[in-house]
Amino acid sequence: MTVTHEVVNQAPPLTGFSTADEPALLEALRRYGAEWGEPEVTALGALAGSAAVQDQARWAEQQPPRLHTHDRFGHRVDEVEFHPAWHQLMTVAVEQGLHAAPWTDDRPGAHLVRAAKFYVWSQAEPGHGCPISMTYAAVPALRAAPELAARYEPLLAARSYDFGLRAPLTKSGLIAGMSMTEKQGGSDVRANTTRAVPAGDGTYRLTGHKWFTSAPMSDLFLALAQTEEGLGCFLVPRVLPDGALNGMRLKRLKDKLGNRSNASSEIEYEQAVAWPVGEPGRGVRTIVEMVNMTRLDCVLGSAAGMRAGLRQALHHTAHRRAFGRELDRQPLMRSVLADLAIESEAATLLGLRLAAAVDGAQAGDAQEAALRRLALAAGKYWVCKRGSTHAAEALECLGGNGYVEDSGMPRLYREAPLLSIWEGSGNVAALDVLRALGREPAALDAFFAEVEQAAGADRRLDAAVAGLRKLLGELSGPERAQLMARSLAERMALVLQGSLLVRHSDPALADAFCATRLGGEWGHAYGTLPAGAGLTAILERVRPWTPDTATRGGAAERTAAGVAAVGGAA
């Protein structure tokens, strides 16, 4: 073909970076006594940023799972076929202990290290994080049945990804799922109609349907079903001990907005064999611990998505020229990038603090357990809500280049709403804040004890804490409390983020957060930071190392050059 033009003014491919190249992440490991995990986290982050893993992530989504209900001879098989890239991603996640490994690791900060790994690896491909997260969350719920836990927990925690339909106890490692929601109830699981009938041998037979069961090729599921005593929790294996398929029929896979690499299904239980977990009729109470653990991963996953979007925006604007200079050297774009950076770091610090609280709770610290209970509900509400707007703004930084599939930004954008919906959408999470306040008075004391470690450090934070106390005093009556639930959850998350940033982040970033999110010096879109915000310091903190920035001078030199180019506007 005749050469018609030369390709210029396009950003080079973003590969060869590390998703662990982030001060906020590594500082948190050291702060909470988990510095032993830093080499593992940084190694996994480098792998996540490699070209090979980025190709696997692309293939896993572009070639989504396929359901095979029958084999070619007409036998019922209920199998889901995945692209090999999915299995490669799952293998790394399990071998790195992102699933249930921390439950059998007595090193200090084991759950925080696992959270840091989940955070850096999710930036490569988030879809396979679903079964990984559910396996992590299944262990504390399964411990309500000590005999079952003794049998299955070692395999759930094993660092062996052993895919295939075989009897669980014959495998080298297991993956667990959750089977709760039904058509008529959704989040209102007490409206479930699936029935569980005693079989007379200690097992039950389940009959009914589930409207949304993710990762249907998991080995074990925790399911809810109605018994004579009320809603119960049950362990349901895909394959029975004798090797026969259990009565769990896959009807179809969901055609979803995002999360396409992961299979989500509608299923029917046809006299499925199940073992009871926990007290009869107390199924919600049993499975709520699983829900709480997966909510932690919703926060971490949203924070990971923000960081991934920010990285793409920083990379593109550093190479794209418009109106005579690079985009990241122009004042308005710098304000947008800094605003995205503030949101990203606030989410990351909150997610990692919640993970540290899990470690504290496991060590028997009642205050840490109480903090986790309340702050997790508020954090799930707010951080996951912000994920979608953050993804949209990051995509817009790339303009039309970000709107095409090749950029990876549409995948990020489609994924963001899931984490706000999964394990209870906005209203459910906000109402859970009220529930925690009502049932666990110590949780509020633990929350303010954490927040007020920054007392006196920033007047806007102090004013926001005082305003939150005033709002709590106005929760008179259940109806008014419900109407205020979202405002309450938002304010709680913001003051906790503000406290963490003031104590642990760069002063310029913390100051800009307090000025905007707490002090009201902000518009209704990203990029409306006040004129005095320290953009240079903020961008210097979050700008990751990449091979091309190394050849063009370090991040500090490039940022300084950018300030000079815009006449010192910083």
Protein backbone atom coordinates (compact mmCIF):
# COMPACT_ATOMS: atom_id res chain seq x y z
CA MET A 1 0.00 0.00 0.00
CA THR A 2 1.03 3.59 -0.61
CA VAL A 3 2.30 5.31 2.54
CA THR A 4 -0.21 8.06 3.27
CA HIS A 5 0.99 9.25 6.65
CA GLU A 6 3.28 8.62 9.58
CA VAL A 7 1.80 7.62 12.97
CA VAL A 8 2.86 10.24 15.50
CA ASN A 9 1.49 11.74 18.70
CA GLN A 10 0.26 8.42 20.04
CA ALA A 11 1.19 6.98 23.43
CA PRO A 12 3.36 3.85 23.30
CA PRO A 13 1.96 0.61 24.72
CA LEU A 14 1.87 0.62 28.51
CA THR A 15 3.70 -2.57 29.50
CA GLY A 16 6.64 -3.50 31.66
CA PHE A 17 5.37 -1.63 34.71
CA SER A 18 4.53 -2.82 38.22
CA THR A 19 1.09 -2.41 39.77
CA ALA A 20 2.85 -2.41 43.15
CA ASP A 21 4.77 0.76 42.29
CA GLU A 22 2.72 2.86 44.67
CA PRO A 23 3.94 4.51 47.90
CA ALA A 24 0.56 4.27 49.65
CA LEU A 25 0.52 0.49 49.21
CA LEU A 26 4.04 -0.26 50.39
CA GLU A 27 3.85 2.22 53.26
CA ALA A 28 0.72 0.48 54.55
CA LEU A 29 2.49 -2.88 54.66
CA ARG A 30 5.26 -1.38 56.78
CA ARG A 31 2.87 0.64 58.95
CA TYR A 32 0.77 -2.35 60.00
CA GLY A 33 3.63 -4.79 60.59
CA ALA A 34 3.39 -6.72 57.32
CA GLU A 35 6.64 -5.61 55.71
CA TRP A 36 7.62 -9.27 55.37
CA GLY A 37 5.16 -9.47 52.48
CA GLU A 38 6.65 -6.60 50.47
CA PRO A 39 8.90 -8.77 48.24
CA GLU A 40 5.94 -11.00 47.38
CA VAL A 41 3.68 -8.04 46.63
CA THR A 42 6.25 -6.27 44.45
CA ALA A 43 7.02 -9.46 42.51
CA LEU A 44 3.32 -10.05 41.85
CA GLY A 45 2.88 -6.42 40.84
CA ALA A 46 5.66 -6.74 38.27
CA LEU A 47 4.01 -9.84 36.86
CA ALA A 48 0.64 -8.08 36.67
CA GLY A 49 2.18 -5.31 34.57
CA SER A 50 3.87 -7.65 32.12
CA ALA A 51 2.83 -7.89 28.49
CA ALA A 52 2.12 -11.61 28.86
CA VAL A 53 -0.39 -11.12 31.67
CA GLN A 54 -2.04 -8.23 29.86
CA ASP A 55 -2.56 -10.56 26.91
CA GLN A 56 -4.08 -13.17 29.21
CA ALA A 57 -6.45 -10.57 30.64
CA ARG A 58 -7.54 -9.55 27.15
CA TRP A 59 -8.14 -13.13 26.04
CA ALA A 60 -10.03 -14.03 29.20
CA GLU A 61 -12.59 -11.32 28.49
CA GLN A 62 -12.70 -11.53 24.71
CA GLN A 63 -13.27 -15.30 24.86
CA PRO A 64 -15.86 -15.57 27.66
CA PRO A 65 -16.87 -18.87 29.29
CA ARG A 66 -19.29 -21.20 27.51
CA LEU A 67 -21.87 -23.48 29.09
CA HIS A 68 -22.17 -27.13 28.03
CA THR A 69 -25.23 -28.70 29.63
CA HIS A 70 -24.77 -32.07 27.83
CA ASP A 71 -21.96 -33.97 26.21
CA ARG A 72 -22.12 -35.19 22.60
CA PHE A 73 -23.75 -38.43 23.71
CA GLY A 74 -26.59 -36.66 25.51
CA HIS A 75 -25.35 -37.12 29.06
CA ARG A 76 -25.93 -34.24 31.47
CA VAL A 77 -22.54 -32.68 32.32
CA ASP A 78 -23.23 -29.05 33.38
CA GLU A 79 -19.71 -27.92 32.55
CA VAL A 80 -18.37 -24.45 31.85
CA GLU A 81 -15.50 -24.13 29.41
CA PHE A 82 -12.98 -21.31 29.92
CA HIS A 83 -10.24 -19.95 27.71
CA PRO A 84 -6.78 -21.16 28.84
CA ALA A 85 -5.94 -17.59 29.84
CA TRP A 86 -8.55 -17.78 32.62
CA HIS A 87 -6.87 -20.84 34.08
CA GLN A 88 -3.47 -19.17 33.86
CA LEU A 89 -4.74 -16.18 35.83
CA MET A 90 -6.44 -18.40 38.38
CA THR A 91 -3.30 -20.49 38.82
CA VAL A 92 -1.23 -17.44 39.71
CA ALA A 93 -3.89 -16.11 42.09
CA VAL A 94 -4.13 -19.40 43.98
CA GLU A 95 -0.40 -20.07 44.05
CA GLN A 96 0.10 -16.57 45.46
CA GLY A 97 -2.43 -17.23 48.23
CA LEU A 98 -5.00 -14.64 47.16
CA HIS A 99 -7.76 -17.10 48.06
CA ALA A 100 -8.02 -18.73 51.49
CA ALA A 101 -4.31 -19.05 52.32
CA PRO A 102 -4.29 -16.33 55.05
CA TRP A 103 -6.63 -18.37 57.25
CA THR A 104 -3.86 -20.91 57.84
CA ASP A 105 -1.00 -18.38 58.00
CA ASP A 106 -0.12 -17.19 61.51
CA ARG A 107 2.32 -14.49 60.41
CA PRO A 108 1.34 -10.97 61.50
CA GLY A 109 -0.46 -9.10 58.75
CA ALA A 110 -1.29 -12.20 56.70
CA HIS A 111 -4.67 -10.80 55.68
CA LEU A 112 -3.16 -7.41 54.83
CA VAL A 113 -0.51 -9.01 52.62
CA ARG A 114 -3.22 -11.02 50.92
CA ALA A 115 -5.26 -7.80 50.42
CA ALA A 116 -2.23 -6.05 48.91
CA LYS A 117 -1.74 -8.96 46.52
CA PHE A 118 -5.42 -8.98 45.60
CA TYR A 119 -5.15 -5.24 44.93
CA VAL A 120 -2.12 -5.45 42.62
CA TRP A 121 -3.26 -8.59 40.80
CA SER A 122 -6.85 -7.37 40.28
CA GLN A 123 -5.46 -4.49 38.25
CA ALA A 124 -4.45 -7.03 35.62
CA GLU A 125 -7.85 -8.74 35.26
CA PRO A 126 -10.66 -8.34 37.78
CA GLY A 127 -13.14 -10.99 36.64
CA HIS A 128 -11.34 -14.01 38.05
CA GLY A 129 -11.19 -12.22 41.39
CA CYS A 130 -14.79 -13.31 42.01
CA PRO A 131 -14.13 -17.02 42.76
CA ILE A 132 -10.89 -16.08 44.48
CA SER A 133 -12.76 -13.69 46.77
CA MET A 134 -15.56 -16.14 47.52
CA THR A 135 -13.07 -18.84 48.44
CA TYR A 136 -11.40 -16.41 50.85
CA ALA A 137 -14.76 -15.53 52.36
CA ALA A 138 -16.07 -19.10 52.65
CA VAL A 139 -13.65 -20.23 55.35
CA PRO A 140 -14.94 -18.18 58.33
CA ALA A 141 -18.52 -19.11 57.46
CA LEU A 142 -17.68 -22.79 57.10
CA ARG A 143 -16.12 -22.79 60.57
CA ALA A 144 -19.67 -22.69 61.93
CA ALA A 145 -19.61 -26.43 61.11
CA PRO A 146 -16.33 -27.63 62.68
CA GLU A 147 -16.46 -31.13 61.17
CA LEU A 148 -16.92 -29.76 57.66
CA ALA A 149 -14.24 -27.11 58.22
CA ALA A 150 -11.76 -29.76 59.37
CA ARG A 151 -12.43 -31.70 56.19
CA TYR A 152 -12.44 -28.92 53.61
CA GLU A 153 -10.49 -25.94 54.98
CA PRO A 154 -7.03 -27.40 54.31
CA LEU A 155 -7.99 -27.89 50.66
CA LEU A 156 -9.58 -24.46 50.39
CA ALA A 157 -6.37 -22.93 51.74
CA ALA A 158 -4.06 -25.07 49.61
CA ARG A 159 -2.06 -23.19 46.98
CA SER A 160 -3.08 -25.55 44.22
CA TYR A 161 -5.53 -24.67 41.46
CA ASP A 162 -7.08 -28.02 40.52
CA PHE A 163 -9.82 -27.35 37.97
CA GLY A 164 -12.33 -30.03 36.99
CA LEU A 165 -15.44 -31.88 38.07
CA ARG A 166 -14.20 -34.40 40.60
CA ALA A 167 -15.10 -35.34 44.18
CA PRO A 168 -13.75 -32.49 46.37
CA LEU A 169 -11.73 -34.65 48.76
CA THR A 170 -9.86 -36.23 45.83
CA LYS A 171 -8.51 -32.86 44.63
CA SER A 172 -5.35 -31.02 45.64
CA GLY A 173 -7.14 -27.69 46.10
CA LEU A 174 -10.68 -26.32 46.13
CA ILE A 175 -12.55 -23.20 45.03
CA ALA A 176 -15.75 -22.13 46.83
CA GLY A 177 -18.78 -20.13 45.72
CA MET A 178 -21.94 -18.63 47.14
CA SER A 179 -25.53 -19.37 46.11
CA MET A 180 -27.99 -16.97 47.72
CA THR A 181 -30.18 -14.72 45.57
CA GLU A 182 -33.41 -15.72 43.86
CA LYS A 183 -35.71 -14.07 41.32
CA GLN A 184 -38.35 -12.92 43.76
CA GLY A 185 -36.05 -11.62 46.47
CA GLY A 186 -32.64 -10.49 45.29
CA SER A 187 -30.94 -8.96 48.32
CA ASP A 188 -33.96 -9.90 50.44
CA VAL A 189 -32.71 -13.44 50.92
CA ARG A 190 -35.36 -14.19 53.56
CA ALA A 191 -37.82 -14.29 50.66
CA ASN A 192 -36.02 -17.34 49.24
CA THR A 193 -38.24 -20.26 48.26
CA THR A 194 -35.61 -22.99 47.83
CA ARG A 195 -36.52 -25.79 50.27
CA ALA A 196 -34.21 -28.02 52.31
CA VAL A 197 -35.64 -31.32 53.58
CA PRO A 198 -33.78 -33.63 56.02
CA ALA A 199 -32.72 -36.91 54.42
CA GLY A 200 -32.41 -38.76 57.73
CA ASP A 201 -28.65 -39.28 57.50
CA GLY A 202 -27.49 -35.82 58.56
CA THR A 203 -27.75 -34.41 55.05
CA TYR A 204 -30.54 -32.43 53.39
CA ARG A 205 -32.04 -32.38 49.92
CA LEU A 206 -32.36 -28.95 48.28
CA THR A 207 -35.00 -28.14 45.67
CA GLY A 208 -35.44 -24.70 44.12
CA HIS A 209 -33.67 -22.11 42.02
CA LYS A 210 -31.00 -19.43 42.31
CA TRP A 211 -31.15 -16.39 40.08
CA PHE A 212 -27.47 -15.41 40.37
CA THR A 213 -24.74 -17.90 41.22
CA SER A 214 -21.31 -16.71 40.17
CA ALA A 215 -18.44 -19.06 39.36
CA PRO A 216 -20.70 -22.12 38.93
CA MET A 217 -17.68 -24.34 38.28
CA SER A 218 -16.52 -23.95 41.88
CA ASP A 219 -16.12 -27.15 43.88
CA LEU A 220 -18.25 -26.15 46.87
CA PHE A 221 -21.04 -23.65 47.47
CA LEU A 222 -22.57 -22.11 50.55
CA ALA A 223 -26.29 -21.92 49.81
CA LEU A 224 -29.37 -20.62 51.62
CA ALA A 225 -32.59 -22.63 51.76
CA GLN A 226 -35.75 -22.74 53.85
CA THR A 227 -36.12 -25.36 56.58
CA GLU A 228 -38.78 -25.96 59.23
CA GLU A 229 -36.72 -23.82 61.60
CA GLY A 230 -36.31 -21.01 59.07
CA LEU A 231 -33.64 -20.04 56.55
CA GLY A 232 -30.61 -22.31 56.83
CA CYS A 233 -27.10 -22.33 55.40
CA PHE A 234 -25.82 -25.42 53.60
CA LEU A 235 -22.65 -26.73 52.00
CA VAL A 236 -23.39 -28.00 48.50
CA PRO A 237 -20.64 -29.79 46.52
CA ARG A 238 -20.78 -29.89 42.72
CA VAL A 239 -19.64 -33.52 42.80
CA LEU A 240 -20.66 -36.02 45.49
CA PRO A 241 -18.13 -38.14 47.38
CA ASP A 242 -18.85 -41.13 45.12
CA GLY A 243 -17.98 -39.10 42.02
CA ALA A 244 -21.58 -38.56 40.82
CA LEU A 245 -22.74 -35.07 39.84
CA ASN A 246 -24.89 -33.43 42.51
CA GLY A 247 -28.38 -32.20 41.61
CA MET A 248 -27.22 -28.71 40.67
CA ARG A 249 -28.32 -27.90 37.12
CA LEU A 250 -26.89 -24.94 35.22
CA LYS A 251 -29.72 -23.36 33.24
CA ARG A 252 -27.82 -20.57 31.50
CA LEU A 253 -24.91 -18.16 31.90
CA LYS A 254 -25.70 -14.49 32.41
CA ASP A 255 -25.02 -12.06 29.58
CA LYS A 256 -23.56 -9.28 31.73
CA LEU A 257 -22.52 -5.66 31.33
CA GLY A 258 -19.01 -6.42 32.56
CA ASN A 259 -17.18 -9.15 34.49
CA ARG A 260 -17.33 -11.10 31.25
CA SER A 261 -14.39 -13.38 31.92
CA ASN A 262 -16.21 -14.79 34.94
CA ALA A 263 -19.16 -17.16 34.57
CA SER A 264 -22.33 -16.18 36.41
CA SER A 265 -25.29 -18.51 36.15
CA GLU A 266 -28.88 -19.34 36.89
CA ILE A 267 -29.17 -22.74 38.52
CA GLU A 268 -31.79 -25.23 39.67
CA TYR A 269 -31.40 -27.51 42.65
CA GLU A 270 -33.00 -30.88 41.97
CA GLN A 271 -32.78 -32.85 45.22
CA ALA A 272 -29.21 -31.62 45.65
CA VAL A 273 -27.36 -33.23 48.55
CA ALA A 274 -26.31 -30.64 51.13
CA TRP A 275 -24.76 -30.53 54.58
CA PRO A 276 -26.00 -28.01 57.19
CA VAL A 277 -23.64 -25.23 58.29
CA GLY A 278 -24.35 -23.42 61.55
CA GLU A 279 -27.46 -23.37 63.70
CA PRO A 280 -30.76 -24.48 62.16
CA GLY A 281 -32.79 -21.50 60.96
CA ARG A 282 -29.85 -19.08 61.42
CA GLY A 283 -28.55 -19.22 57.88
CA VAL A 284 -28.28 -15.47 57.37
CA ARG A 285 -26.27 -15.10 60.54
CA THR A 286 -23.96 -17.90 59.38
CA ILE A 287 -23.34 -16.59 55.91
CA VAL A 288 -23.03 -12.91 56.86
CA GLU A 289 -19.35 -13.42 57.67
CA MET A 290 -18.84 -14.57 54.09
CA VAL A 291 -20.66 -11.50 52.86
CA ASN A 292 -18.47 -9.22 54.98
CA MET A 293 -15.27 -10.76 53.64
CA THR A 294 -16.39 -10.39 50.04
CA ARG A 295 -17.36 -6.79 50.77
CA LEU A 296 -13.76 -6.15 51.74
CA ASP A 297 -12.73 -7.35 48.31
CA CYS A 298 -15.34 -5.08 46.73
CA VAL A 299 -13.56 -2.12 48.33
CA LEU A 300 -10.14 -3.42 47.32
CA GLY A 301 -11.35 -4.19 43.80
CA SER A 302 -12.80 -0.70 43.37
CA ALA A 303 -9.56 0.84 44.64
CA ALA A 304 -7.62 -1.37 42.22
CA GLY A 305 -9.80 -0.23 39.34
CA MET A 306 -9.20 3.41 40.26
CA ARG A 307 -5.47 2.89 40.33
CA ALA A 308 -5.52 1.10 36.97
CA GLY A 309 -7.55 3.91 35.40
CA LEU A 310 -5.30 6.57 36.90
CA ARG A 311 -2.22 4.82 35.56
CA GLN A 312 -3.66 4.74 32.03
CA ALA A 313 -4.61 8.42 32.26
CA LEU A 314 -1.16 9.42 33.51
CA HIS A 315 0.54 7.41 30.77
CA HIS A 316 -1.60 8.74 27.93
CA THR A 317 -1.42 12.40 28.97
CA ALA A 318 2.36 12.18 29.40
CA HIS A 319 2.74 11.29 25.71
CA ARG A 320 -0.16 12.96 23.95
CA ARG A 321 0.45 16.52 22.71
CA ALA A 322 -2.32 19.02 22.10
CA PHE A 323 -2.15 22.77 21.58
CA GLY A 324 1.63 22.75 21.62
CA ARG A 325 2.56 20.64 24.65
CA GLU A 326 1.91 17.36 26.45
CA LEU A 327 -1.49 17.09 28.07
CA ASP A 328 -0.05 16.42 31.52
CA ARG A 329 1.77 19.77 31.37
CA GLN A 330 -1.42 21.74 30.94
CA PRO A 331 -3.03 23.18 34.09
CA LEU A 332 -6.58 21.92 33.61
CA MET A 333 -5.53 18.36 32.79
CA ARG A 334 -3.15 18.41 35.75
CA SER A 335 -6.08 19.31 37.98
CA VAL A 336 -8.12 16.40 36.62
CA LEU A 337 -5.25 13.95 37.07
CA ALA A 338 -4.55 15.15 40.60
CA ASP A 339 -8.22 14.87 41.51
CA LEU A 340 -8.30 11.30 40.21
CA ALA A 341 -5.14 10.60 42.21
CA ILE A 342 -6.72 11.91 45.41
CA GLU A 343 -9.74 9.66 44.97
CA SER A 344 -7.53 6.68 44.20
CA GLU A 345 -5.27 7.03 47.21
CA ALA A 346 -8.17 7.67 49.58
CA ALA A 347 -9.79 4.43 48.40
CA THR A 348 -6.55 2.47 48.67
CA LEU A 349 -5.78 3.63 52.20
CA LEU A 350 -9.28 2.78 53.37
CA GLY A 351 -9.23 -0.69 51.81
CA LEU A 352 -5.85 -1.54 53.32
CA ARG A 353 -6.89 -0.22 56.75
CA LEU A 354 -9.93 -2.50 56.64
CA ALA A 355 -7.68 -5.45 55.77
CA ALA A 356 -5.45 -4.60 58.73
CA ALA A 357 -8.57 -4.60 60.90
CA VAL A 358 -9.25 -8.18 59.77
CA ASP A 359 -5.82 -9.14 61.08
CA GLY A 360 -6.58 -7.39 64.34
CA ALA A 361 -9.94 -9.09 64.68
CA GLN A 362 -8.38 -12.50 64.02
CA ALA A 363 -5.84 -11.79 66.76
CA GLY A 364 -8.67 -11.18 69.22
CA ASP A 365 -8.68 -7.37 69.25
CA ALA A 366 -12.32 -6.48 69.95
CA GLN A 367 -11.88 -2.83 68.95
CA GLU A 368 -10.45 -3.79 65.57
CA ALA A 369 -13.32 -6.21 65.04
CA ALA A 370 -15.84 -3.51 65.89
CA LEU A 371 -14.12 -0.99 63.59
CA ARG A 372 -14.14 -3.46 60.73
CA ARG A 373 -17.86 -4.14 61.15
CA LEU A 374 -18.93 -0.50 60.82
CA ALA A 375 -16.21 0.94 58.60
CA LEU A 376 -16.55 -1.93 56.13
CA ALA A 377 -20.23 -1.19 55.53
CA ALA A 378 -19.56 2.54 55.08
CA GLY A 379 -16.48 1.89 52.93
CA LYS A 380 -18.34 -0.59 50.72
CA TYR A 381 -21.04 2.00 50.12
CA TRP A 382 -18.79 4.94 49.30
CA VAL A 383 -15.66 3.58 47.63
CA CYS A 384 -17.60 1.31 45.31
CA LYS A 385 -19.94 4.17 44.42
CA ARG A 386 -16.97 6.29 43.41
CA GLY A 387 -15.52 3.59 41.20
CA SER A 388 -17.86 4.22 38.27
CA THR A 389 -17.39 7.99 38.14
CA HIS A 390 -13.65 7.56 38.48
CA ALA A 391 -13.51 5.08 35.59
CA ALA A 392 -15.56 7.42 33.40
CA GLU A 393 -13.26 10.39 34.05
CA ALA A 394 -10.10 8.34 33.56
CA LEU A 395 -11.46 7.07 30.25
CA GLU A 396 -12.23 10.64 29.20
CA CYS A 397 -8.58 11.59 29.78
CA LEU A 398 -7.78 9.32 26.83
CA GLY A 399 -10.55 10.81 24.70
CA GLY A 400 -11.51 8.72 21.69
CA ASN A 401 -8.47 6.51 22.26
CA GLY A 402 -10.02 5.43 25.55
CA TYR A 403 -13.42 4.70 24.02
CA VAL A 404 -12.18 1.86 21.85
CA GLU A 405 -11.81 -1.68 23.19
CA ASP A 406 -8.11 -1.93 22.35
CA SER A 407 -7.30 0.58 25.09
CA GLY A 408 -8.68 -1.64 27.86
CA MET A 409 -10.59 1.31 29.32
CA PRO A 410 -14.06 0.05 28.29
CA ARG A 411 -13.38 -3.15 30.24
CA LEU A 412 -12.48 -1.08 33.28
CA TYR A 413 -15.57 1.08 32.85
CA ARG A 414 -17.91 -1.91 32.50
CA GLU A 415 -16.45 -3.60 35.55
CA ALA A 416 -16.84 -0.66 37.94
CA PRO A 417 -20.63 -0.85 38.63
CA LEU A 418 -20.42 -4.53 39.58
CA LEU A 419 -18.51 -3.87 42.76
CA SER A 420 -21.15 -1.43 43.95
CA ILE A 421 -23.88 -4.02 43.27
CA TRP A 422 -22.14 -7.19 44.44
CA GLU A 423 -22.87 -8.17 48.07
CA GLY A 424 -25.51 -5.50 48.46
CA SER A 425 -25.93 -2.38 46.35
CA GLY A 426 -25.90 1.15 47.72
CA ASN A 427 -29.08 1.02 49.80
CA VAL A 428 -28.21 -2.36 51.31
CA ALA A 429 -24.75 -1.17 52.36
CA ALA A 430 -26.12 2.08 53.78
CA LEU A 431 -28.77 0.24 55.76
CA ASP A 432 -26.08 -2.08 57.06
CA VAL A 433 -24.38 0.98 58.57
CA LEU A 434 -27.56 1.62 60.54
CA ARG A 435 -27.76 -2.05 61.50
CA ALA A 436 -24.19 -2.02 62.81
CA LEU A 437 -24.87 1.10 64.85
CA GLY A 438 -27.98 -0.46 66.37
CA ARG A 439 -26.57 -3.88 67.14
CA GLU A 440 -22.97 -3.07 68.05
CA PRO A 441 -22.68 0.18 70.03
CA ALA A 442 -18.94 -0.47 70.50
CA ALA A 443 -18.48 -0.09 66.74
CA LEU A 444 -19.13 3.65 66.85
CA ASP A 445 -16.64 4.12 69.69
CA ALA A 446 -14.04 2.17 67.70
CA PHE A 447 -14.77 4.26 64.61
CA PHE A 448 -14.27 7.59 66.36
CA ALA A 449 -11.20 6.28 68.18
CA GLU A 450 -9.66 5.63 64.76
CA VAL A 451 -10.79 8.88 63.15
CA GLU A 452 -9.75 11.10 66.05
CA GLN A 453 -6.15 9.97 65.88
CA ALA A 454 -5.90 12.89 63.45
CA ALA A 455 -7.72 15.35 65.74
CA GLY A 456 -6.29 18.85 65.51
CA ALA A 457 -4.28 18.15 62.36
CA ASP A 458 -6.76 19.76 59.94
CA ARG A 459 -9.57 22.16 60.80
CA ARG A 460 -11.80 20.89 57.98
CA LEU A 461 -11.45 17.31 59.17
CA ASP A 462 -12.24 18.38 62.72
CA ALA A 463 -15.33 20.23 61.50
CA ALA A 464 -16.45 17.20 59.48
CA VAL A 465 -16.09 14.91 62.50
CA ALA A 466 -18.14 17.34 64.58
CA GLY A 467 -20.76 17.46 61.83
CA LEU A 468 -20.90 13.67 61.75
CA ARG A 469 -21.50 13.54 65.49
CA LYS A 470 -24.31 16.04 65.07
CA LEU A 471 -25.86 13.98 62.27
CA LEU A 472 -25.76 10.86 64.41
CA GLY A 473 -27.66 12.71 67.10
CA GLU A 474 -30.45 13.47 64.60
CA LEU A 475 -31.23 9.82 63.79
CA SER A 476 -34.59 9.81 65.53
CA GLY A 477 -36.91 7.01 64.44
CA PRO A 478 -36.41 4.25 61.89
CA GLU A 479 -37.97 6.09 58.93
CA ARG A 480 -35.85 9.21 59.36
CA ALA A 481 -32.78 7.07 59.91
CA GLN A 482 -33.41 5.28 56.60
CA LEU A 483 -33.80 8.57 54.77
CA MET A 484 -30.45 9.70 56.16
CA ALA A 485 -28.64 6.37 55.72
CA ARG A 486 -26.81 7.28 52.52
CA SER A 487 -25.69 10.65 53.84
CA LEU A 488 -24.48 8.98 57.01
CA ALA A 489 -22.53 6.26 55.21
CA GLU A 490 -20.94 8.83 52.90
CA ARG A 491 -19.86 11.11 55.71
CA MET A 492 -18.46 8.25 57.75
CA ALA A 493 -16.39 7.01 54.84
CA LEU A 494 -15.13 10.50 54.03
CA VAL A 495 -14.02 11.39 57.55
CA LEU A 496 -12.27 8.04 57.87
CA GLN A 497 -10.51 8.58 54.55
CA GLY A 498 -9.61 12.12 55.62
CA SER A 499 -8.13 10.89 58.88
CA LEU A 500 -6.07 8.22 57.11
CA LEU A 501 -4.78 10.69 54.52
CA VAL A 502 -3.87 13.34 57.08
CA ARG A 503 -1.89 10.78 59.05
CA HIS A 504 -0.34 8.72 56.29
CA SER A 505 -0.29 10.50 52.93
CA ASP A 506 1.56 13.37 51.33
CA PRO A 507 0.52 16.67 52.98
CA ALA A 508 -0.50 18.21 49.66
CA LEU A 509 -2.75 15.28 48.80
CA ALA A 510 -4.31 15.23 52.28
CA ASP A 511 -4.84 18.99 52.19
CA ALA A 512 -6.58 18.82 48.81
CA PHE A 513 -8.82 15.97 50.01
CA CYS A 514 -9.87 17.90 53.12
CA ALA A 515 -10.43 21.08 51.13
CA THR A 516 -12.63 19.38 48.54
CA ARG A 517 -14.34 16.32 50.03
CA LEU A 518 -14.72 17.76 53.53
CA GLY A 519 -14.42 21.55 53.14
CA GLY A 520 -16.66 21.99 50.10
CA GLU A 521 -14.09 23.78 47.91
CA TRP A 522 -15.07 21.57 44.99
CA GLY A 523 -17.41 21.43 42.06
CA HIS A 524 -19.50 18.48 40.90
CA ALA A 525 -16.87 16.91 38.62
CA TYR A 526 -13.25 15.85 38.85
CA GLY A 527 -10.79 18.58 37.98
CA THR A 528 -12.43 21.29 40.07
CA LEU A 529 -9.71 21.46 42.73
CA PRO A 530 -9.12 24.83 44.38
CA ALA A 531 -6.49 27.05 42.78
CA GLY A 532 -4.00 26.56 45.61
CA ALA A 533 -3.93 22.76 45.47
CA GLY A 534 -0.41 21.31 45.36
CA LEU A 535 -0.70 19.58 42.00
CA THR A 536 3.03 18.99 41.60
CA ALA A 537 3.41 17.12 44.88
CA ILE A 538 0.24 15.08 44.29
CA LEU A 539 1.23 13.99 40.80
CA GLU A 540 4.80 13.28 41.86
CA ARG A 541 3.52 10.89 44.53
CA VAL A 542 1.26 8.88 42.25
CA ARG A 543 3.15 8.88 38.95
CA PRO A 544 4.37 5.30 38.42
CA TRP A 545 7.70 4.28 37.00
CA THR A 546 7.65 2.96 33.43
CA PRO A 547 10.54 2.18 31.08
CA ASP A 548 9.86 5.25 28.96
CA THR A 549 9.78 7.68 31.90
CA ALA A 550 13.16 6.30 32.97
CA THR A 551 14.69 7.25 29.63
CA ARG A 552 13.06 10.69 29.63
CA GLY A 553 14.24 11.54 33.13
CA GLY A 554 12.70 10.54 36.44
CA ALA A 555 9.20 11.49 37.51
CA ALA A 556 10.58 14.38 39.53
CA GLU A 557 12.41 15.88 36.56
CA ARG A 558 9.40 15.49 34.27
CA THR A 559 7.05 17.06 36.79
CA ALA A 560 9.40 19.98 37.32
CA ALA A 561 9.63 20.46 33.58
CA GLY A 562 5.86 20.41 33.39
CA VAL A 563 5.57 23.14 36.00
CA ALA A 564 8.05 25.30 34.12
CA ALA A 565 6.21 24.72 30.85
CA VAL A 566 2.94 26.05 32.26
CA GLY A 567 4.53 29.05 33.92
CA GLY A 568 4.65 27.57 37.40
CA ALA A 569 0.95 26.71 37.59
CA ALA A 570 1.05 23.99 40.26
